[in-house]
Amino acid sequence: MSLGDEHGFGESARADDEYYDGGRTRTRLPDRAGDPYGGARRGSRSSSRGLITVVAVVVLLIGAIAFANHGGGNGGSGASGDGGDKPKAAPTAASGDKPVTTRTAGIPSGFPHDESGAQSAAANYAVTLGSTGMFDKASRHSLVNLLYTSEAAAKLQGPMDQAYSADFLAKMGLDANGNPPSRSTFVSRVTPLGATVQQYGDSAARVAVWYVGLIGMSGQGSTDPVTASWKTWTFDLRWTGNDWKIVADSQKDGPAPVPGDDRAATSDEISKAIEEYGGFTYAR
């Protein structure tokens, strides 16, 4: 178990603050040597040469169109041609089956006993464990008992209560019960971007979930504004009680993309977005 810094997520990200040093990852673009579009411009071509170029391009386009029309209806290997091979999914396409329809305490449950089911379970567990429900003691105990094996849950409850101490909650801008100040919005969300099965057996599986997380306080005078982080959450799962349960989990930073040039939103904009855009109820 690893708690991470104050910008980690879930009980794994929070349960062992002393044992995990999860700093943020920042990537800088190298300084450009020069404007790729700058420099001296070439002199203009003669009008006759320009005309020849235009004519050549038009001829090539006409030939390409004629070739495509000639071969389009002859049972080629295209996806719609008769006898052609069916299009194959890209290697990075979503691999999940239909979502499960059962829920326990509002959380998806009853995942299939196969690799796809293990991936779905891990992705959905990451969403739940990265939610604001982990900052309330009663809610946290319920979630841990629901998602972890009974043995793992029994070992985790005490250390996690210590990790989510009043001092820690105060650093996040929350009171001792995990509530934000008046007119402020506490944000803690995990959105999986993908999952992969690292090991699989009939009774156990290891699944890594790559995700982007949001955490922080949105409100006037907040000293911990909402920030984004990219992490990988790895779950060791066991098939027990006709479902996948967590035995152990860990997190690490990244992989993080190069930051864009997006303008940072104001606290009011973040609060409004959190209220208007509810989190997903099913991860994959």
C-alpha atoms as a PDB file:
ATOM      1  CA  MET A   1       0.000   0.000   0.000  1.00  0.00           C
ATOM      2  CA  SER A   2       1.246   3.492  -0.771  1.00  0.00           C
ATOM      3  CA  LEU A   3      -0.407   6.725   0.195  1.00  0.00           C
ATOM      4  CA  GLY A   4       1.407   9.180  -2.017  1.00  0.00           C
ATOM      5  CA  ASP A   5       1.556  12.898  -1.432  1.00  0.00           C
ATOM      6  CA  GLU A   6      -1.488  15.024  -0.915  1.00  0.00           C
ATOM      7  CA  HIS A   7      -2.187  14.758  -4.607  1.00  0.00           C
ATOM      8  CA  GLY A   8      -2.562  10.962  -4.676  1.00  0.00           C
ATOM      9  CA  PHE A   9      -5.877   9.205  -4.712  1.00  0.00           C
ATOM     10  CA  GLY A  10      -7.853   6.568  -2.846  1.00  0.00           C
ATOM     11  CA  GLU A  11      -6.878   4.447   0.090  1.00  0.00           C
ATOM     12  CA  SER A  12      -3.901   3.085  -1.762  1.00  0.00           C
ATOM     13  CA  ALA A  13      -2.785   6.577  -2.524  1.00  0.00           C
ATOM     14  CA  ARG A  14      -3.524   7.716   1.027  1.00  0.00           C
ATOM     15  CA  ALA A  15      -3.017   4.703   3.302  1.00  0.00           C
ATOM     16  CA  ASP A  16       0.759   4.946   3.779  1.00  0.00           C
ATOM     17  CA  ASP A  17       1.869   8.534   3.468  1.00  0.00           C
ATOM     18  CA  GLU A  18       5.137   7.682   5.148  1.00  0.00           C
ATOM     19  CA  TYR A  19       6.022   4.931   2.713  1.00  0.00           C
ATOM     20  CA  TYR A  20       5.365   6.606  -0.636  1.00  0.00           C
ATOM     21  CA  ASP A  21       7.066   9.636  -2.061  1.00  0.00           C
ATOM     22  CA  GLY A  22       4.819  10.530  -4.944  1.00  0.00           C
ATOM     23  CA  GLY A  23       6.031  13.832  -6.327  1.00  0.00           C
ATOM     24  CA  ARG A  24       4.525  15.495  -9.292  1.00  0.00           C
ATOM     25  CA  THR A  25       6.001  14.914 -12.706  1.00  0.00           C
ATOM     26  CA  ARG A  26       6.543  17.889 -14.937  1.00  0.00           C
ATOM     27  CA  THR A  27       7.844  17.749 -18.463  1.00  0.00           C
ATOM     28  CA  ARG A  28       9.354  20.688 -20.277  1.00  0.00           C
ATOM     29  CA  LEU A  29       9.654  21.054 -23.984  1.00  0.00           C
ATOM     30  CA  PRO A  30      13.172  21.782 -25.200  1.00  0.00           C
ATOM     31  CA  ASP A  31      13.797  25.344 -26.286  1.00  0.00           C
ATOM     32  CA  ARG A  32      13.300  25.735 -29.965  1.00  0.00           C
ATOM     33  CA  ALA A  33      16.396  26.588 -31.908  1.00  0.00           C
ATOM     34  CA  GLY A  34      14.347  28.835 -34.148  1.00  0.00           C
ATOM     35  CA  ASP A  35      11.012  29.345 -35.737  1.00  0.00           C
ATOM     36  CA  PRO A  36      10.419  26.354 -38.054  1.00  0.00           C
ATOM     37  CA  TYR A  37       8.556  28.667 -40.350  1.00  0.00           C
ATOM     38  CA  GLY A  38      11.043  31.509 -40.105  1.00  0.00           C
ATOM     39  CA  GLY A  39      14.190  32.233 -42.029  1.00  0.00           C
ATOM     40  CA  ALA A  40      14.710  33.551 -45.496  1.00  0.00           C
ATOM     41  CA  ARG A  41      11.932  32.868 -47.933  1.00  0.00           C
ATOM     42  CA  ARG A  42      12.607  31.383 -51.326  1.00  0.00           C
ATOM     43  CA  GLY A  43      12.212  33.535 -54.349  1.00  0.00           C
ATOM     44  CA  SER A  44       9.067  33.120 -56.441  1.00  0.00           C
ATOM     45  CA  ARG A  45       9.126  30.685 -59.334  1.00  0.00           C
ATOM     46  CA  SER A  46       8.484  31.732 -62.855  1.00  0.00           C
ATOM     47  CA  SER A  47       4.860  31.697 -63.957  1.00  0.00           C
ATOM     48  CA  SER A  48       5.507  29.035 -66.585  1.00  0.00           C
ATOM     49  CA  ARG A  49       7.019  26.602 -64.110  1.00  0.00           C
ATOM     50  CA  GLY A  50       4.138  27.199 -61.712  1.00  0.00           C
ATOM     51  CA  LEU A  51       1.646  26.403 -64.456  1.00  0.00           C
ATOM     52  CA  ILE A  52       3.424  23.138 -65.278  1.00  0.00           C
ATOM     53  CA  THR A  53       3.309  22.121 -61.606  1.00  0.00           C
ATOM     54  CA  VAL A  54      -0.407  22.796 -61.344  1.00  0.00           C
ATOM     55  CA  VAL A  55      -1.145  20.792 -64.483  1.00  0.00           C
ATOM     56  CA  ALA A  56       0.921  17.862 -63.216  1.00  0.00           C
ATOM     57  CA  VAL A  57      -0.949  17.797 -59.918  1.00  0.00           C
ATOM     58  CA  VAL A  58      -4.328  17.841 -61.666  1.00  0.00           C
ATOM     59  CA  VAL A  59      -3.297  14.954 -63.930  1.00  0.00           C
ATOM     60  CA  LEU A  60      -2.177  12.889 -60.936  1.00  0.00           C
ATOM     61  CA  LEU A  61      -5.456  13.535 -59.105  1.00  0.00           C
ATOM     62  CA  ILE A  62      -7.517  12.491 -62.127  1.00  0.00           C
ATOM     63  CA  GLY A  63      -5.504   9.293 -62.441  1.00  0.00           C
ATOM     64  CA  ALA A  64      -5.908   8.475 -58.750  1.00  0.00           C
ATOM     65  CA  ILE A  65      -9.679   9.001 -58.881  1.00  0.00           C
ATOM     66  CA  ALA A  66     -10.015   6.829 -61.971  1.00  0.00           C
ATOM     67  CA  PHE A  67      -7.970   4.057 -60.364  1.00  0.00           C
ATOM     68  CA  ALA A  68     -10.055   4.161 -57.178  1.00  0.00           C
ATOM     69  CA  ASN A  69     -13.344   4.013 -59.111  1.00  0.00           C
ATOM     70  CA  HIS A  70     -12.085   1.152 -61.227  1.00  0.00           C
ATOM     71  CA  GLY A  71     -11.086  -1.005 -58.235  1.00  0.00           C
ATOM     72  CA  GLY A  72     -13.835  -0.004 -55.796  1.00  0.00           C
ATOM     73  CA  GLY A  73     -16.478  -2.513 -56.959  1.00  0.00           C
ATOM     74  CA  ASN A  74     -14.357  -5.527 -57.720  1.00  0.00           C
ATOM     75  CA  GLY A  75     -14.449  -7.270 -54.349  1.00  0.00           C
ATOM     76  CA  GLY A  76     -11.251  -5.778 -53.015  1.00  0.00           C
ATOM     77  CA  SER A  77      -9.966  -6.273 -49.509  1.00  0.00           C
ATOM     78  CA  GLY A  78     -11.863  -3.288 -48.115  1.00  0.00           C
ATOM     79  CA  ALA A  79     -14.120  -3.759 -45.116  1.00  0.00           C
ATOM     80  CA  SER A  80     -17.296  -3.355 -47.189  1.00  0.00           C
ATOM     81  CA  GLY A  81     -16.268  -5.471 -50.167  1.00  0.00           C
ATOM     82  CA  ASP A  82     -17.862  -8.887 -50.633  1.00  0.00           C
ATOM     83  CA  GLY A  83     -15.589 -11.623 -49.352  1.00  0.00           C
ATOM     84  CA  GLY A  84     -13.190  -9.117 -47.811  1.00  0.00           C
ATOM     85  CA  ASP A  85     -11.793  -9.610 -44.349  1.00  0.00           C
ATOM     86  CA  LYS A  86     -13.651  -7.934 -41.512  1.00  0.00           C
ATOM     87  CA  PRO A  87     -11.885  -4.876 -40.095  1.00  0.00           C
ATOM     88  CA  LYS A  88      -9.833  -5.683 -37.021  1.00  0.00           C
ATOM     89  CA  ALA A  89      -9.843  -3.587 -33.879  1.00  0.00           C
ATOM     90  CA  ALA A  90      -6.816  -1.422 -33.301  1.00  0.00           C
ATOM     91  CA  PRO A  91      -4.389  -2.678 -30.642  1.00  0.00           C
ATOM     92  CA  THR A  92      -5.393   0.212 -28.375  1.00  0.00           C
ATOM     93  CA  ALA A  93      -9.149  -0.200 -28.821  1.00  0.00           C
ATOM     94  CA  ALA A  94     -11.301  -0.700 -25.745  1.00  0.00           C
ATOM     95  CA  SER A  95     -11.369  -4.379 -24.783  1.00  0.00           C
ATOM     96  CA  GLY A  96     -14.186  -4.409 -22.242  1.00  0.00           C
ATOM     97  CA  ASP A  97     -17.371  -6.411 -22.708  1.00  0.00           C
ATOM     98  CA  LYS A  98     -20.814  -5.075 -21.896  1.00  0.00           C
ATOM     99  CA  PRO A  99     -20.992  -3.305 -18.518  1.00  0.00           C
ATOM    100  CA  VAL A 100     -22.216  -5.319 -15.570  1.00  0.00           C
ATOM    101  CA  THR A 101     -25.780  -4.607 -14.522  1.00  0.00           C
ATOM    102  CA  THR A 102     -25.512  -5.471 -10.833  1.00  0.00           C
ATOM    103  CA  ARG A 103     -24.477  -3.090  -8.082  1.00  0.00           C
ATOM    104  CA  THR A 104     -23.638  -3.376  -4.410  1.00  0.00           C
ATOM    105  CA  ALA A 105     -24.110  -0.216  -2.339  1.00  0.00           C
ATOM    106  CA  GLY A 106     -24.252   1.706  -5.603  1.00  0.00           C
ATOM    107  CA  ILE A 107     -20.916   0.332  -6.854  1.00  0.00           C
ATOM    108  CA  PRO A 108     -20.678  -1.971  -9.914  1.00  0.00           C
ATOM    109  CA  SER A 109     -20.198  -5.606  -8.880  1.00  0.00           C
ATOM    110  CA  GLY A 110     -20.461  -9.136 -10.239  1.00  0.00           C
ATOM    111  CA  PHE A 111     -17.705  -8.769 -12.841  1.00  0.00           C
ATOM    112  CA  PRO A 112     -17.050 -11.639 -15.267  1.00  0.00           C
ATOM    113  CA  HIS A 113     -14.598 -14.336 -14.233  1.00  0.00           C
ATOM    114  CA  ASP A 114     -12.142 -13.592 -17.042  1.00  0.00           C
ATOM    115  CA  GLU A 115      -9.430 -11.108 -18.027  1.00  0.00           C
ATOM    116  CA  SER A 116     -11.914  -8.543 -19.275  1.00  0.00           C
ATOM    117  CA  GLY A 117     -13.843  -8.767 -16.036  1.00  0.00           C
ATOM    118  CA  ALA A 118     -10.660  -8.248 -14.025  1.00  0.00           C
ATOM    119  CA  GLN A 119      -9.848  -5.129 -16.037  1.00  0.00           C
ATOM    120  CA  SER A 120     -13.344  -3.752 -15.544  1.00  0.00           C
ATOM    121  CA  ALA A 121     -13.195  -4.442 -11.813  1.00  0.00           C
ATOM    122  CA  ALA A 122      -9.823  -2.711 -11.406  1.00  0.00           C
ATOM    123  CA  ALA A 123     -10.901   0.334 -13.427  1.00  0.00           C
ATOM    124  CA  ASN A 124     -14.128   0.746 -11.462  1.00  0.00           C
ATOM    125  CA  TYR A 125     -12.383   0.206  -8.138  1.00  0.00           C
ATOM    126  CA  ALA A 126      -9.915   2.971  -9.022  1.00  0.00           C
ATOM    127  CA  VAL A 127     -12.817   5.346  -9.645  1.00  0.00           C
ATOM    128  CA  THR A 128     -14.422   4.486  -6.307  1.00  0.00           C
ATOM    129  CA  LEU A 129     -11.226   4.597  -4.264  1.00  0.00           C
ATOM    130  CA  GLY A 130     -10.276   7.926  -5.834  1.00  0.00           C
ATOM    131  CA  SER A 131     -13.565   9.573  -4.859  1.00  0.00           C
ATOM    132  CA  THR A 132     -14.415  11.985  -2.053  1.00  0.00           C
ATOM    133  CA  GLY A 133     -16.045   9.092  -0.210  1.00  0.00           C
ATOM    134  CA  MET A 134     -12.611   8.041   1.004  1.00  0.00           C
ATOM    135  CA  PHE A 135     -12.299  11.182   3.133  1.00  0.00           C
ATOM    136  CA  ASP A 136     -15.260  10.302   5.362  1.00  0.00           C
ATOM    137  CA  LYS A 137     -14.471   7.612   7.945  1.00  0.00           C
ATOM    138  CA  ALA A 138     -17.761   5.721   7.793  1.00  0.00           C
ATOM    139  CA  SER A 139     -17.855   5.808   4.004  1.00  0.00           C
ATOM    140  CA  ARG A 140     -14.210   4.756   3.754  1.00  0.00           C
ATOM    141  CA  HIS A 141     -14.715   1.747   6.030  1.00  0.00           C
ATOM    142  CA  SER A 142     -17.686   0.654   3.959  1.00  0.00           C
ATOM    143  CA  LEU A 143     -15.802   0.985   0.672  1.00  0.00           C
ATOM    144  CA  VAL A 144     -12.748  -0.893   1.908  1.00  0.00           C
ATOM    145  CA  ASN A 145     -14.864  -3.729   3.289  1.00  0.00           C
ATOM    146  CA  LEU A 146     -16.715  -3.932  -0.012  1.00  0.00           C
ATOM    147  CA  LEU A 147     -13.808  -3.823  -2.463  1.00  0.00           C
ATOM    148  CA  TYR A 148     -11.036  -5.660  -0.603  1.00  0.00           C
ATOM    149  CA  THR A 149     -10.851  -9.223   0.604  1.00  0.00           C
ATOM    150  CA  SER A 150     -11.846  -9.584   4.259  1.00  0.00           C
ATOM    151  CA  GLU A 151      -8.236 -10.267   5.249  1.00  0.00           C
ATOM    152  CA  ALA A 152      -6.884  -7.227   3.412  1.00  0.00           C
ATOM    153  CA  ALA A 153      -9.644  -4.957   4.709  1.00  0.00           C
ATOM    154  CA  ALA A 154      -8.978  -5.962   8.306  1.00  0.00           C
ATOM    155  CA  LYS A 155      -5.308  -5.040   7.946  1.00  0.00           C
ATOM    156  CA  LEU A 156      -5.986  -1.755   6.173  1.00  0.00           C
ATOM    157  CA  GLN A 157      -8.643  -0.076   8.281  1.00  0.00           C
ATOM    158  CA  GLY A 158      -6.372   0.951  11.161  1.00  0.00           C
ATOM    159  CA  PRO A 159      -3.462   2.321   9.097  1.00  0.00           C
ATOM    160  CA  MET A 160      -5.874   4.122   6.790  1.00  0.00           C
ATOM    161  CA  ASP A 161      -7.623   5.821   9.704  1.00  0.00           C
ATOM    162  CA  GLN A 162      -4.218   7.043  10.842  1.00  0.00           C
ATOM    163  CA  ALA A 163      -3.385   8.253   7.349  1.00  0.00           C
ATOM    164  CA  TYR A 164      -6.657  10.170   7.075  1.00  0.00           C
ATOM    165  CA  SER A 165      -5.940  11.960  10.321  1.00  0.00           C
ATOM    166  CA  ALA A 166      -7.445  15.291  11.328  1.00  0.00           C
ATOM    167  CA  ASP A 167      -4.125  16.979  10.537  1.00  0.00           C
ATOM    168  CA  PHE A 168      -4.038  15.461   7.068  1.00  0.00           C
ATOM    169  CA  LEU A 169      -7.644  16.467   6.368  1.00  0.00           C
ATOM    170  CA  ALA A 170      -6.874  19.987   7.588  1.00  0.00           C
ATOM    171  CA  LYS A 171      -4.026  20.223   5.072  1.00  0.00           C
ATOM    172  CA  MET A 172      -6.559  19.390   2.380  1.00  0.00           C
ATOM    173  CA  GLY A 173      -8.819  22.170   3.675  1.00  0.00           C
ATOM    174  CA  LEU A 174     -11.343  19.729   5.228  1.00  0.00           C
ATOM    175  CA  ASP A 175     -12.680  19.499   8.755  1.00  0.00           C
ATOM    176  CA  ALA A 176     -12.215  16.440  10.980  1.00  0.00           C
ATOM    177  CA  ASN A 177     -15.212  14.750   9.313  1.00  0.00           C
ATOM    178  CA  GLY A 178     -13.923  15.316   5.799  1.00  0.00           C
ATOM    179  CA  ASN A 179     -16.263  18.197   4.961  1.00  0.00           C
ATOM    180  CA  PRO A 180     -15.163  21.285   2.985  1.00  0.00           C
ATOM    181  CA  PRO A 181     -15.734  24.854   4.190  1.00  0.00           C
ATOM    182  CA  SER A 182     -18.915  26.683   3.291  1.00  0.00           C
ATOM    183  CA  ARG A 183     -19.022  27.886  -0.329  1.00  0.00           C
ATOM    184  CA  SER A 184     -16.092  25.650  -1.253  1.00  0.00           C
ATOM    185  CA  THR A 185     -16.004  22.461  -3.313  1.00  0.00           C
ATOM    186  CA  PHE A 186     -13.624  19.622  -2.544  1.00  0.00           C
ATOM    187  CA  VAL A 187     -12.623  17.713  -5.665  1.00  0.00           C
ATOM    188  CA  SER A 188     -11.276  14.167  -5.793  1.00  0.00           C
ATOM    189  CA  ARG A 189     -11.817  12.208  -8.994  1.00  0.00           C
ATOM    190  CA  VAL A 190     -10.091   9.421 -10.875  1.00  0.00           C
ATOM    191  CA  THR A 191     -10.747   8.839 -14.567  1.00  0.00           C
ATOM    192  CA  PRO A 192      -9.147   5.690 -16.033  1.00  0.00           C
ATOM    193  CA  LEU A 193      -7.610   6.043 -19.480  1.00  0.00           C
ATOM    194  CA  GLY A 194      -6.810   2.380 -19.966  1.00  0.00           C
ATOM    195  CA  ALA A 195      -6.091  -0.910 -18.246  1.00  0.00           C
ATOM    196  CA  THR A 196      -3.844  -3.868 -18.917  1.00  0.00           C
ATOM    197  CA  VAL A 197      -3.621  -7.369 -17.468  1.00  0.00           C
ATOM    198  CA  GLN A 198      -0.071  -8.004 -16.296  1.00  0.00           C
ATOM    199  CA  GLN A 199      -0.757 -11.473 -14.863  1.00  0.00           C
ATOM    200  CA  TYR A 200      -3.807 -13.695 -14.982  1.00  0.00           C
ATOM    201  CA  GLY A 201      -4.845 -17.009 -13.489  1.00  0.00           C
ATOM    202  CA  ASP A 202      -8.136 -18.650 -12.684  1.00  0.00           C
ATOM    203  CA  SER A 203      -8.145 -17.336  -9.123  1.00  0.00           C
ATOM    204  CA  ALA A 204      -5.879 -14.270  -9.270  1.00  0.00           C
ATOM    205  CA  ALA A 205      -4.997 -11.388 -11.562  1.00  0.00           C
ATOM    206  CA  ARG A 206      -2.780  -8.325 -11.596  1.00  0.00           C
ATOM    207  CA  VAL A 207      -4.198  -5.347 -13.477  1.00  0.00           C
ATOM    208  CA  ALA A 208      -2.612  -1.926 -14.004  1.00  0.00           C
ATOM    209  CA  VAL A 209      -4.869   1.083 -14.555  1.00  0.00           C
ATOM    210  CA  TRP A 210      -3.502   4.266 -16.122  1.00  0.00           C
ATOM    211  CA  TYR A 211      -5.500   7.264 -14.992  1.00  0.00           C
ATOM    212  CA  VAL A 212      -5.693  11.025 -14.672  1.00  0.00           C
ATOM    213  CA  GLY A 213      -6.801  12.364 -11.313  1.00  0.00           C
ATOM    214  CA  LEU A 214      -8.109  15.660  -9.992  1.00  0.00           C
ATOM    215  CA  ILE A 215      -7.755  16.712  -6.369  1.00  0.00           C
ATOM    216  CA  GLY A 216      -7.879  19.939  -4.421  1.00  0.00           C
ATOM    217  CA  MET A 217     -10.168  22.582  -2.973  1.00  0.00           C
ATOM    218  CA  SER A 218     -12.060  24.951  -5.211  1.00  0.00           C
ATOM    219  CA  GLY A 219     -13.158  28.087  -3.409  1.00  0.00           C
ATOM    220  CA  GLN A 220     -12.214  31.582  -2.362  1.00  0.00           C
ATOM    221  CA  GLY A 221      -8.971  31.654  -0.416  1.00  0.00           C
ATOM    222  CA  SER A 222      -8.109  28.014  -1.086  1.00  0.00           C
ATOM    223  CA  THR A 223      -4.458  27.215  -0.434  1.00  0.00           C
ATOM    224  CA  ASP A 224      -4.709  23.851  -2.209  1.00  0.00           C
ATOM    225  CA  PRO A 225      -6.212  24.518  -5.658  1.00  0.00           C
ATOM    226  CA  VAL A 226      -7.430  21.674  -7.850  1.00  0.00           C
ATOM    227  CA  THR A 227      -4.573  20.081  -9.772  1.00  0.00           C
ATOM    228  CA  ALA A 228      -4.285  17.171 -12.194  1.00  0.00           C
ATOM    229  CA  SER A 229      -1.896  14.236 -11.910  1.00  0.00           C
ATOM    230  CA  TRP A 230      -1.170  11.208 -14.064  1.00  0.00           C
ATOM    231  CA  LYS A 231      -0.552   7.900 -12.349  1.00  0.00           C
ATOM    232  CA  THR A 232      -0.670   4.136 -12.755  1.00  0.00           C
ATOM    233  CA  TRP A 233      -2.588   2.147 -10.151  1.00  0.00           C
ATOM    234  CA  THR A 234      -1.792  -1.572  -9.983  1.00  0.00           C
ATOM    235  CA  PHE A 235      -4.236  -3.986  -8.331  1.00  0.00           C
ATOM    236  CA  ASP A 236      -3.633  -7.539  -7.203  1.00  0.00           C
ATOM    237  CA  LEU A 237      -7.066  -9.157  -7.439  1.00  0.00           C
ATOM    238  CA  ARG A 238      -8.442 -12.460  -6.167  1.00  0.00           C
ATOM    239  CA  TRP A 239     -11.576 -14.237  -7.335  1.00  0.00           C
ATOM    240  CA  THR A 240     -13.646 -14.703  -4.192  1.00  0.00           C
ATOM    241  CA  GLY A 241     -17.347 -14.652  -3.440  1.00  0.00           C
ATOM    242  CA  ASN A 242     -18.155 -14.747  -7.168  1.00  0.00           C
ATOM    243  CA  ASP A 243     -16.393 -11.460  -7.799  1.00  0.00           C
ATOM    244  CA  TRP A 244     -12.969  -9.863  -8.043  1.00  0.00           C
ATOM    245  CA  LYS A 245     -11.644  -8.428  -4.764  1.00  0.00           C
ATOM    246  CA  ILE A 246      -8.487  -6.431  -4.044  1.00  0.00           C
ATOM    247  CA  VAL A 247      -5.696  -8.173  -2.139  1.00  0.00           C
ATOM    248  CA  ALA A 248      -3.117  -5.392  -2.466  1.00  0.00           C
ATOM    249  CA  ASP A 249      -2.494  -2.314  -4.587  1.00  0.00           C
ATOM    250  CA  SER A 250       0.191   0.269  -5.313  1.00  0.00           C
ATOM    251  CA  GLN A 251       0.663   3.437  -7.318  1.00  0.00           C
ATOM    252  CA  LYS A 252       3.390   5.163  -9.248  1.00  0.00           C
ATOM    253  CA  ASP A 253       3.639   8.440 -11.122  1.00  0.00           C
ATOM    254  CA  GLY A 254       2.986   8.695 -14.849  1.00  0.00           C
ATOM    255  CA  PRO A 255       3.191   8.223 -17.661  1.00  0.00           C
ATOM    256  CA  ALA A 256       2.345  11.911 -18.010  1.00  0.00           C
ATOM    257  CA  PRO A 257       1.947  13.707 -21.351  1.00  0.00           C
ATOM    258  CA  VAL A 258       3.616  17.005 -22.180  1.00  0.00           C
ATOM    259  CA  PRO A 259       1.566  19.803 -20.578  1.00  0.00           C
ATOM    260  CA  GLY A 260      -0.441  21.870 -23.017  1.00  0.00           C
ATOM    261  CA  ASP A 261      -0.933  25.602 -23.156  1.00  0.00           C
ATOM    262  CA  ASP A 262      -4.433  25.545 -21.705  1.00  0.00           C
ATOM    263  CA  ARG A 263      -5.432  28.449 -19.505  1.00  0.00           C
ATOM    264  CA  ALA A 264      -5.942  27.418 -15.892  1.00  0.00           C
ATOM    265  CA  ALA A 265      -9.585  27.754 -14.846  1.00  0.00           C
ATOM    266  CA  THR A 266     -10.678  29.926 -11.958  1.00  0.00           C
ATOM    267  CA  SER A 267     -12.060  28.433  -8.743  1.00  0.00           C
ATOM    268  CA  ASP A 268     -15.593  29.407  -9.757  1.00  0.00           C
ATOM    269  CA  GLU A 269     -15.187  27.689 -13.135  1.00  0.00           C
ATOM    270  CA  ILE A 270     -13.902  24.501 -11.515  1.00  0.00           C
ATOM    271  CA  SER A 271     -16.707  24.459  -8.958  1.00  0.00           C
ATOM    272  CA  LYS A 272     -19.305  24.964 -11.675  1.00  0.00           C
ATOM    273  CA  ALA A 273     -17.798  22.204 -13.819  1.00  0.00           C
ATOM    274  CA  ILE A 274     -17.763  19.749 -10.904  1.00  0.00           C
ATOM    275  CA  GLU A 275     -21.422  20.482 -10.215  1.00  0.00           C
ATOM    276  CA  GLU A 276     -22.484  20.285 -13.874  1.00  0.00           C
ATOM    277  CA  TYR A 277     -20.393  17.302 -14.985  1.00  0.00           C
ATOM    278  CA  GLY A 278     -21.017  14.296 -12.804  1.00  0.00           C
ATOM    279  CA  GLY A 279     -18.423  11.565 -12.649  1.00  0.00           C
ATOM    280  CA  PHE A 280     -18.903   8.402 -14.665  1.00  0.00           C
ATOM    281  CA  THR A 281     -20.774   5.586 -12.960  1.00  0.00           C
ATOM    282  CA  TYR A 282     -18.967   2.897 -14.957  1.00  0.00           C
ATOM    283  CA  ALA A 283     -15.310   3.055 -15.902  1.00  0.00           C
ATOM    284  CA  ARG A 284     -15.100   0.886 -19.037  1.00  0.00           C
END
